[in-house]
Structure formats: structure tokens, C-alpha cells
């Protein structure tokens, strides 16, 4: 039986979970959340625009970024978990 593709909501949830678990480097977040590197920048930008994550540039190392979860992102992740509990996985 084929596994269904993840929707946009599942992708965002997986990124938020990876950041919550302490992964803050974009490359590691992509690996943990299993997201295509071509899709990650637009997904990261959308989560940043919505205020769910923060992205800090480090000027000491070229191209290095640190991703963090905001309070709004933590609340959103909590609500998603409650919703999954109600409707099942």
C-alpha cells in the first residue's frame, strides 16, 4: 500500500517539531523533518512571516543561520497536538 504524501500542514508541523526538539541549523531541520532542500526556503519564509519561527543570521560565518521557535510557534504546535489527539494520527 502506498503511503500518502504529506500536506502543507504536516510539513509545517514537522519543521516546528524539529525546531522544538532543539535542532536550529536549517540543514539539520531539513533532515529531521524530511523536507526537500528546494522547498525549505519558501517554507521557512512562510513560517517566519507568520511569526512561528525566527531566523538569526550569524555574521561571523558566511551562510550560517540559527532557527528558533517563537511563543506563537509553541502555542501553534500545542494546538496541532491537541487536534491530532482528537482526530487521530
PDB file of N, CA and C in Angstrom:
ATOM      1  N   UNK A   1       0.841  -1.176   0.000  1.00  0.00           N
ATOM      2  CA  UNK A   1       0.000   0.000   0.000  1.00  0.00           C
ATOM      3  C   UNK A   1       0.889   1.243   0.000  1.00  0.00           C
ATOM      4  N   UNK A   2       0.576   2.192  -0.859  1.00  0.00           N
ATOM      5  CA  UNK A   2       1.346   3.426  -0.955  1.00  0.00           C
ATOM      6  C   UNK A   2       1.032   4.358   0.190  1.00  0.00           C
ATOM      7  N   UNK A   3       2.063   5.004   0.670  1.00  0.00           N
ATOM      8  CA  UNK A   3       1.875   5.990   1.723  1.00  0.00           C
ATOM      9  C   UNK A   3       1.475   7.318   1.082  1.00  0.00           C
ATOM     10  N   UNK A   4       0.526   7.989   1.690  1.00  0.00           N
ATOM     11  CA  UNK A   4       0.067   9.270   1.166  1.00  0.00           C
ATOM     12  C   UNK A   4       1.111  10.346   1.377  1.00  0.00           C
ATOM     13  N   UNK A   5       1.147  11.298   0.456  1.00  0.00           N
ATOM     14  CA  UNK A   5       2.058  12.430   0.600  1.00  0.00           C
ATOM     15  C   UNK A   5       1.597  13.324   1.745  1.00  0.00           C
ATOM     16  N   UNK A   6       2.565  13.972   2.366  1.00  0.00           N
ATOM     17  CA  UNK A   6       2.218  14.900   3.436  1.00  0.00           C
ATOM     18  C   UNK A   6       1.701  16.194   2.832  1.00  0.00           C
ATOM     19  N   UNK A   7       0.726  16.758   3.495  1.00  0.00           N
ATOM     20  CA  UNK A   7       0.200  18.037   3.063  1.00  0.00           C
ATOM     21  C   UNK A   7       1.031  19.175   3.627  1.00  0.00           C
ATOM     22  N   UNK A   8       0.658  20.374   3.260  1.00  0.00           N
ATOM     23  CA  UNK A   8       1.385  21.567   3.704  1.00  0.00           C
ATOM     24  C   UNK A   8       1.367  21.686   5.224  1.00  0.00           C
ATOM     25  N   UNK A   9       0.254  21.370   5.849  1.00  0.00           N
ATOM     26  CA  UNK A   9       0.146  21.460   7.300  1.00  0.00           C
ATOM     27  C   UNK A   9       1.099  20.483   7.989  1.00  0.00           C
ATOM     28  N   UNK A  10       1.210  19.275   7.447  1.00  0.00           N
ATOM     29  CA  UNK A  10       2.109  18.283   8.035  1.00  0.00           C
ATOM     30  C   UNK A  10       3.569  18.701   7.894  1.00  0.00           C
ATOM     31  N   UNK A  11       3.916  19.312   6.755  1.00  0.00           N
ATOM     32  CA  UNK A  11       5.282  19.787   6.552  1.00  0.00           C
ATOM     33  C   UNK A  11       5.635  20.867   7.566  1.00  0.00           C
ATOM     34  N   UNK A  12       4.718  21.807   7.752  1.00  0.00           N
ATOM     35  CA  UNK A  12       4.952  22.890   8.719  1.00  0.00           C
ATOM     36  C   UNK A  12       5.046  22.332  10.138  1.00  0.00           C
ATOM     37  N   UNK A  13       4.184  21.382  10.455  1.00  0.00           N
ATOM     38  CA  UNK A  13       4.221  20.757  11.772  1.00  0.00           C
ATOM     39  C   UNK A  13       5.555  20.058  12.014  1.00  0.00           C
ATOM     40  N   UNK A  14       6.063  19.357  11.005  1.00  0.00           N
ATOM     41  CA  UNK A  14       7.321  18.646  11.149  1.00  0.00           C
ATOM     42  C   UNK A  14       8.496  19.607  11.353  1.00  0.00           C
ATOM     43  N   UNK A  15       8.471  20.754  10.672  1.00  0.00           N
ATOM     44  CA  UNK A  15       9.525  21.752  10.867  1.00  0.00           C
ATOM     45  C   UNK A  15       9.451  22.313  12.283  1.00  0.00           C
ATOM     46  N   UNK A  16       8.247  22.640  12.743  1.00  0.00           N
ATOM     47  CA  UNK A  16       8.083  23.174  14.101  1.00  0.00           C
ATOM     48  C   UNK A  16       8.540  22.154  15.145  1.00  0.00           C
ATOM     49  N   UNK A  17       8.232  20.895  14.935  1.00  0.00           N
ATOM     50  CA  UNK A  17       8.659  19.849  15.872  1.00  0.00           C
ATOM     51  C   UNK A  17      10.177  19.729  15.915  1.00  0.00           C
ATOM     52  N   UNK A  18      10.813  19.802  14.744  1.00  0.00           N
ATOM     53  CA  UNK A  18      12.273  19.700  14.699  1.00  0.00           C
ATOM     54  C   UNK A  18      12.923  20.863  15.445  1.00  0.00           C
ATOM     55  N   UNK A  19      12.399  22.062  15.264  1.00  0.00           N
ATOM     56  CA  UNK A  19      12.948  23.229  15.953  1.00  0.00           C
ATOM     57  C   UNK A  19      12.696  23.111  17.452  1.00  0.00           C
ATOM     58  N   UNK A  20      11.522  22.624  17.832  1.00  0.00           N
ATOM     59  CA  UNK A  20      11.201  22.463  19.248  1.00  0.00           C
ATOM     60  C   UNK A  20      12.143  21.454  19.915  1.00  0.00           C
ATOM     61  N   UNK A  21      12.520  20.422  19.179  1.00  0.00           N
ATOM     62  CA  UNK A  21      13.403  19.385  19.727  1.00  0.00           C
ATOM     63  C   UNK A  21      14.845  19.872  19.879  1.00  0.00           C
ATOM     64  N   UNK A  22      15.125  21.087  19.439  1.00  0.00           N
ATOM     65  CA  UNK A  22      16.451  21.653  19.657  1.00  0.00           C
ATOM     66  C   UNK A  22      17.324  21.740  18.420  1.00  0.00           C
ATOM     67  N   UNK A  23      16.815  21.365  17.276  1.00  0.00           N
ATOM     68  CA  UNK A  23      17.591  21.489  16.051  1.00  0.00           C
ATOM     69  C   UNK A  23      17.418  22.905  15.523  1.00  0.00           C
ATOM     70  N   UNK A  24      18.512  23.625  15.349  1.00  0.00           N
ATOM     71  CA  UNK A  24      18.401  25.022  14.958  1.00  0.00           C
ATOM     72  C   UNK A  24      19.127  25.339  13.653  1.00  0.00           C
ATOM     73  N   UNK A  25      19.877  24.411  13.106  1.00  0.00           N
ATOM     74  CA  UNK A  25      20.537  24.639  11.828  1.00  0.00           C
ATOM     75  C   UNK A  25      19.606  24.179  10.708  1.00  0.00           C
ATOM     76  N   UNK A  26      19.419  25.007   9.672  1.00  0.00           N
ATOM     77  CA  UNK A  26      18.489  24.661   8.591  1.00  0.00           C
ATOM     78  C   UNK A  26      18.730  23.293   7.963  1.00  0.00           C
ATOM     79  N   UNK A  27      19.989  22.925   7.740  1.00  0.00           N
ATOM     80  CA  UNK A  27      20.268  21.638   7.117  1.00  0.00           C
ATOM     81  C   UNK A  27      19.777  20.480   7.985  1.00  0.00           C
ATOM     82  N   UNK A  28      20.004  20.575   9.274  1.00  0.00           N
ATOM     83  CA  UNK A  28      19.574  19.508  10.186  1.00  0.00           C
ATOM     84  C   UNK A  28      18.045  19.463  10.289  1.00  0.00           C
ATOM     85  N   UNK A  29      17.406  20.622  10.269  1.00  0.00           N
ATOM     86  CA  UNK A  29      15.935  20.668  10.303  1.00  0.00           C
ATOM     87  C   UNK A  29      15.364  19.974   9.067  1.00  0.00           C
ATOM     88  N   UNK A  30      15.965  20.220   7.907  1.00  0.00           N
ATOM     89  CA  UNK A  30      15.507  19.559   6.678  1.00  0.00           C
ATOM     90  C   UNK A  30      15.649  18.047   6.786  1.00  0.00           C
ATOM     91  N   UNK A  31      16.747  17.580   7.377  1.00  0.00           N
ATOM     92  CA  UNK A  31      16.963  16.142   7.529  1.00  0.00           C
ATOM     93  C   UNK A  31      15.953  15.527   8.489  1.00  0.00           C
ATOM     94  N   UNK A  32      15.765  16.152   9.647  1.00  0.00           N
ATOM     95  CA  UNK A  32      14.853  15.613  10.655  1.00  0.00           C
ATOM     96  C   UNK A  32      13.413  15.621  10.142  1.00  0.00           C
ATOM     97  N   UNK A  33      13.007  16.715   9.497  1.00  0.00           N
ATOM     98  CA  UNK A  33      11.629  16.844   9.006  1.00  0.00           C
ATOM     99  C   UNK A  33      11.430  16.179   7.641  1.00  0.00           C
ATOM    100  N   UNK A  34      12.530  15.703   7.028  1.00  0.00           N
ATOM    101  CA  UNK A  34      12.478  15.049   5.724  1.00  0.00           C
ATOM    102  C   UNK A  34      11.825  15.950   4.672  1.00  0.00           C
ATOM    103  N   UNK A  35      12.437  17.119   4.490  1.00  0.00           N
ATOM    104  CA  UNK A  35      11.918  18.116   3.555  1.00  0.00           C
ATOM    105  C   UNK A  35      12.934  18.351   2.450  1.00  0.00           C
ATOM    106  N   UNK A  36      12.437  18.484   1.248  1.00  0.00           N
ATOM    107  CA  UNK A  36      13.273  18.740   0.084  1.00  0.00           C
ATOM    108  C   UNK A  36      13.972  20.091   0.241  1.00  0.00           C
ATOM    109  N   UNK A  37      15.292  20.149   0.025  1.00  0.00           N
ATOM    110  CA  UNK A  37      16.028  21.406   0.174  1.00  0.00           C
ATOM    111  C   UNK A  37      15.526  22.531  -0.736  1.00  0.00           C
ATOM    112  N   UNK A  38      14.932  22.190  -1.870  1.00  0.00           N
ATOM    113  CA  UNK A  38      14.402  23.215  -2.764  1.00  0.00           C
ATOM    114  C   UNK A  38      13.135  23.852  -2.193  1.00  0.00           C
ATOM    115  N   UNK A  39      12.414  23.103  -1.397  1.00  0.00           N
ATOM    116  CA  UNK A  39      11.156  23.593  -0.836  1.00  0.00           C
ATOM    117  C   UNK A  39      11.339  24.310   0.508  1.00  0.00           C
ATOM    118  N   UNK A  40      12.424  23.986   1.212  1.00  0.00           N
ATOM    119  CA  UNK A  40      12.605  24.504   2.563  1.00  0.00           C
ATOM    120  C   UNK A  40      12.676  26.030   2.659  1.00  0.00           C
ATOM    121  N   UNK A  41      13.398  26.738   1.766  1.00  0.00           N
ATOM    122  CA  UNK A  41      13.458  28.200   1.916  1.00  0.00           C
ATOM    123  C   UNK A  41      12.084  28.882   1.886  1.00  0.00           C
ATOM    124  N   UNK A  42      11.207  28.449   1.001  1.00  0.00           N
ATOM    125  CA  UNK A  42       9.876  29.069   0.950  1.00  0.00           C
ATOM    126  C   UNK A  42       9.052  28.702   2.183  1.00  0.00           C
ATOM    127  N   UNK A  43       9.213  27.476   2.657  1.00  0.00           N
ATOM    128  CA  UNK A  43       8.507  27.038   3.861  1.00  0.00           C
ATOM    129  C   UNK A  43       9.014  27.805   5.080  1.00  0.00           C
ATOM    130  N   UNK A  44      10.334  27.960   5.165  1.00  0.00           N
ATOM    131  CA  UNK A  44      10.933  28.720   6.270  1.00  0.00           C
ATOM    132  C   UNK A  44      10.466  30.172   6.247  1.00  0.00           C
ATOM    133  N   UNK A  45      10.408  30.767   5.049  1.00  0.00           N
ATOM    134  CA  UNK A  45       9.967  32.152   4.921  1.00  0.00           C
ATOM    135  C   UNK A  45       8.505  32.310   5.344  1.00  0.00           C
ATOM    136  N   UNK A  46       7.670  31.362   4.975  1.00  0.00           N
ATOM    137  CA  UNK A  46       6.261  31.426   5.363  1.00  0.00           C
ATOM    138  C   UNK A  46       6.095  31.323   6.878  1.00  0.00           C
ATOM    139  N   UNK A  47       6.829  30.408   7.507  1.00  0.00           N
ATOM    140  CA  UNK A  47       6.749  30.268   8.960  1.00  0.00           C
ATOM    141  C   UNK A  47       7.294  31.518   9.661  1.00  0.00           C
ATOM    142  N   UNK A  48       8.308  32.132   9.083  1.00  0.00           N
ATOM    143  CA  UNK A  48       8.854  33.372   9.641  1.00  0.00           C
ATOM    144  C   UNK A  48       7.854  34.511   9.489  1.00  0.00           C
ATOM    145  N   UNK A  49       7.237  34.634   8.313  1.00  0.00           N
ATOM    146  CA  UNK A  49       6.248  35.696   8.078  1.00  0.00           C
ATOM    147  C   UNK A  49       5.050  35.574   9.009  1.00  0.00           C
ATOM    148  N   UNK A  50       4.676  34.358   9.352  1.00  0.00           N
ATOM    149  CA  UNK A  50       3.539  34.140  10.250  1.00  0.00           C
ATOM    150  C   UNK A  50       3.923  34.282  11.724  1.00  0.00           C
ATOM    151  N   UNK A  51       5.209  34.461  11.987  1.00  0.00           N
ATOM    152  CA  UNK A  51       5.670  34.665  13.354  1.00  0.00           C
ATOM    153  C   UNK A  51       5.805  33.387  14.165  1.00  0.00           C
ATOM    154  N   UNK A  52       5.955  32.247  13.491  1.00  0.00           N
ATOM    155  CA  UNK A  52       6.066  30.970  14.190  1.00  0.00           C
ATOM    156  C   UNK A  52       7.518  30.603  14.511  1.00  0.00           C
ATOM    157  N   UNK A  53       8.445  31.068  13.671  1.00  0.00           N
ATOM    158  CA  UNK A  53       9.867  30.829  13.921  1.00  0.00           C
ATOM    159  C   UNK A  53      10.631  32.126  13.698  1.00  0.00           C
ATOM    160  N   UNK A  54      11.842  32.169  14.237  1.00  0.00           N
ATOM    161  CA  UNK A  54      12.752  33.280  13.976  1.00  0.00           C
ATOM    162  C   UNK A  54      13.984  32.718  13.288  1.00  0.00           C
ATOM    163  N   UNK A  55      14.591  33.526  12.430  1.00  0.00           N
ATOM    164  CA  UNK A  55      15.813  33.135  11.750  1.00  0.00           C
ATOM    165  C   UNK A  55      16.845  34.220  12.023  1.00  0.00           C
ATOM    166  N   UNK A  56      17.936  33.837  12.675  1.00  0.00           N
ATOM    167  CA  UNK A  56      19.007  34.772  13.002  1.00  0.00           C
ATOM    168  C   UNK A  56      20.198  34.523  12.090  1.00  0.00           C
ATOM    169  N   UNK A  57      20.702  35.586  11.512  1.00  0.00           N
ATOM    170  CA  UNK A  57      21.902  35.494  10.685  1.00  0.00           C
ATOM    171  C   UNK A  57      23.115  35.643  11.580  1.00  0.00           C
ATOM    172  N   UNK A  58      24.134  34.850  11.356  1.00  0.00           N
ATOM    173  CA  UNK A  58      25.379  34.958  12.101  1.00  0.00           C
ATOM    174  C   UNK A  58      26.408  35.572  11.171  1.00  0.00           C
ATOM    175  N   UNK A  59      26.920  36.727  11.531  1.00  0.00           N
ATOM    176  CA  UNK A  59      27.852  37.426  10.647  1.00  0.00           C
ATOM    177  C   UNK A  59      29.263  36.863  10.712  1.00  0.00           C
ATOM    178  N   UNK A  60      29.566  36.053  11.712  1.00  0.00           N
ATOM    179  CA  UNK A  60      30.925  35.534  11.827  1.00  0.00           C
ATOM    180  C   UNK A  60      31.201  34.390  10.853  1.00  0.00           C
ATOM    181  N   UNK A  61      30.165  33.677  10.440  1.00  0.00           N
ATOM    182  CA  UNK A  61      30.333  32.584   9.477  1.00  0.00           C
ATOM    183  C   UNK A  61      29.364  32.795   8.321  1.00  0.00           C
ATOM    184  N   UNK A  62      29.885  32.795   7.142  1.00  0.00           N
ATOM    185  CA  UNK A  62      29.067  33.054   5.960  1.00  0.00           C
ATOM    186  C   UNK A  62      28.009  31.964   5.763  1.00  0.00           C
ATOM    187  N   UNK A  63      26.769  32.383   5.588  1.00  0.00           N
ATOM    188  CA  UNK A  63      25.683  31.460   5.291  1.00  0.00           C
ATOM    189  C   UNK A  63      25.123  30.703   6.478  1.00  0.00           C
ATOM    190  N   UNK A  64      25.636  30.939   7.665  1.00  0.00           N
ATOM    191  CA  UNK A  64      25.175  30.212   8.842  1.00  0.00           C
ATOM    192  C   UNK A  64      23.960  30.902   9.417  1.00  0.00           C
ATOM    193  N   UNK A  65      22.922  30.138   9.695  1.00  0.00           N
ATOM    194  CA  UNK A  65      21.690  30.694  10.248  1.00  0.00           C
ATOM    195  C   UNK A  65      21.262  29.864  11.446  1.00  0.00           C
ATOM    196  N   UNK A  66      20.544  30.509  12.346  1.00  0.00           N
ATOM    197  CA  UNK A  66      20.014  29.821  13.515  1.00  0.00           C
ATOM    198  C   UNK A  66      18.504  30.019  13.518  1.00  0.00           C
ATOM    199  N   UNK A  67      17.766  28.933  13.580  1.00  0.00           N
ATOM    200  CA  UNK A  67      16.311  28.969  13.567  1.00  0.00           C
ATOM    201  C   UNK A  67      15.809  28.708  14.979  1.00  0.00           C
ATOM    202  N   UNK A  68      14.863  29.520  15.431  1.00  0.00           N
ATOM    203  CA  UNK A  68      14.300  29.352  16.763  1.00  0.00           C
ATOM    204  C   UNK A  68      12.783  29.387  16.731  1.00  0.00           C
ATOM    205  N   UNK A  69      12.174  28.790  17.731  1.00  0.00           N
ATOM    206  CA  UNK A  69      10.723  28.731  17.846  1.00  0.00           C
ATOM    207  C   UNK A  69      10.236  29.910  18.688  1.00  0.00           C
ATOM    208  N   UNK A  70       9.209  30.607  18.212  1.00  0.00           N
ATOM    209  CA  UNK A  70       8.639  31.722  18.961  1.00  0.00           C
ATOM    210  C   UNK A  70       7.554  31.200  19.897  1.00  0.00           C
ATOM    211  N   UNK A  71       7.061  32.063  20.740  1.00  0.00           N
ATOM    212  CA  UNK A  71       5.961  31.702  21.638  1.00  0.00           C
ATOM    213  C   UNK A  71       4.724  31.311  20.829  1.00  0.00           C
ATOM    214  N   UNK A  72       4.465  32.056  19.777  1.00  0.00           N
ATOM    215  CA  UNK A  72       3.330  31.749  18.902  1.00  0.00           C
ATOM    216  C   UNK A  72       3.514  30.380  18.240  1.00  0.00           C
ATOM    217  N   UNK A  73       4.748  30.061  17.857  1.00  0.00           N
ATOM    218  CA  UNK A  73       5.042  28.750  17.280  1.00  0.00           C
ATOM    219  C   UNK A  73       4.813  27.629  18.279  1.00  0.00           C
ATOM    220  N   UNK A  74       5.186  27.855  19.539  1.00  0.00           N
ATOM    221  CA  UNK A  74       4.964  26.850  20.586  1.00  0.00           C
ATOM    222  C   UNK A  74       3.475  26.619  20.811  1.00  0.00           C
ATOM    223  N   UNK A  75       2.710  27.701  20.844  1.00  0.00           N
ATOM    224  CA  UNK A  75       1.253  27.565  21.024  1.00  0.00           C
ATOM    225  C   UNK A  75       0.617  26.841  19.845  1.00  0.00           C
ATOM    226  N   UNK A  76       1.072  27.164  18.639  1.00  0.00           N
ATOM    227  CA  UNK A  76       0.535  26.518  17.443  1.00  0.00           C
ATOM    228  C   UNK A  76       0.827  25.022  17.458  1.00  0.00           C
ATOM    229  N   UNK A  77       2.029  24.659  17.836  1.00  0.00           N
ATOM    230  CA  UNK A  77       2.403  23.249  17.907  1.00  0.00           C
ATOM    231  C   UNK A  77       1.574  22.517  18.957  1.00  0.00           C
ATOM    232  N   UNK A  78       1.323  23.167  20.072  1.00  0.00           N
ATOM    233  CA  UNK A  78       0.486  22.575  21.118  1.00  0.00           C
ATOM    234  C   UNK A  78      -0.938  22.342  20.612  1.00  0.00           C
ATOM    235  N   UNK A  79      -1.475  23.326  19.894  1.00  0.00           N
ATOM    236  CA  UNK A  79      -2.824  23.174  19.329  1.00  0.00           C
ATOM    237  C   UNK A  79      -2.880  22.048  18.294  1.00  0.00           C
ATOM    238  N   UNK A  80      -1.841  21.934  17.486  1.00  0.00           N
ATOM    239  CA  UNK A  80      -1.799  20.852  16.495  1.00  0.00           C
ATOM    240  C   UNK A  80      -1.778  19.487  17.167  1.00  0.00           C
ATOM    241  N   UNK A  81      -1.035  19.377  18.272  1.00  0.00           N
ATOM    242  CA  UNK A  81      -1.004  18.111  19.012  1.00  0.00           C
ATOM    243  C   UNK A  81      -2.382  17.780  19.588  1.00  0.00           C
ATOM    244  N   UNK A  82      -3.068  18.785  20.131  1.00  0.00           N
ATOM    245  CA  UNK A  82      -4.402  18.554  20.680  1.00  0.00           C
ATOM    246  C   UNK A  82      -5.362  18.133  19.574  1.00  0.00           C
ATOM    247  N   UNK A  83      -5.250  18.769  18.415  1.00  0.00           N
ATOM    248  CA  UNK A  83      -6.105  18.419  17.285  1.00  0.00           C
ATOM    249  C   UNK A  83      -5.839  16.994  16.810  1.00  0.00           C
ATOM    250  N   UNK A  84      -4.570  16.595  16.756  1.00  0.00           N
ATOM    251  CA  UNK A  84      -4.238  15.225  16.362  1.00  0.00           C
ATOM    252  C   UNK A  84      -4.802  14.231  17.384  1.00  0.00           C
ATOM    253  N   UNK A  85      -4.812  14.610  18.657  1.00  0.00           N
ATOM    254  CA  UNK A  85      -5.381  13.744  19.678  1.00  0.00           C
ATOM    255  C   UNK A  85      -6.874  13.542  19.512  1.00  0.00           C
ATOM    256  N   UNK A  86      -7.542  14.584  19.016  1.00  0.00           N
ATOM    257  CA  UNK A  86      -8.981  14.493  18.823  1.00  0.00           C
ATOM    258  C   UNK A  86      -9.360  13.673  17.591  1.00  0.00           C
ATOM    259  N   UNK A  87      -8.615  13.860  16.501  1.00  0.00           N
ATOM    260  CA  UNK A  87      -8.999  13.190  15.259  1.00  0.00           C
ATOM    261  C   UNK A  87      -8.155  11.959  14.953  1.00  0.00           C
ATOM    262  N   UNK A  88      -7.082  11.749  15.709  1.00  0.00           N
ATOM    263  CA  UNK A  88      -6.222  10.587  15.480  1.00  0.00           C
ATOM    264  C   UNK A  88      -5.101  10.913  14.530  1.00  0.00           C
ATOM    265  N   UNK A  89      -4.099  10.024  14.457  1.00  0.00           N
ATOM    266  CA  UNK A  89      -2.932  10.290  13.597  1.00  0.00           C
ATOM    267  C   UNK A  89      -3.239  10.192  12.132  1.00  0.00           C
TER     268      UNK A  89
END
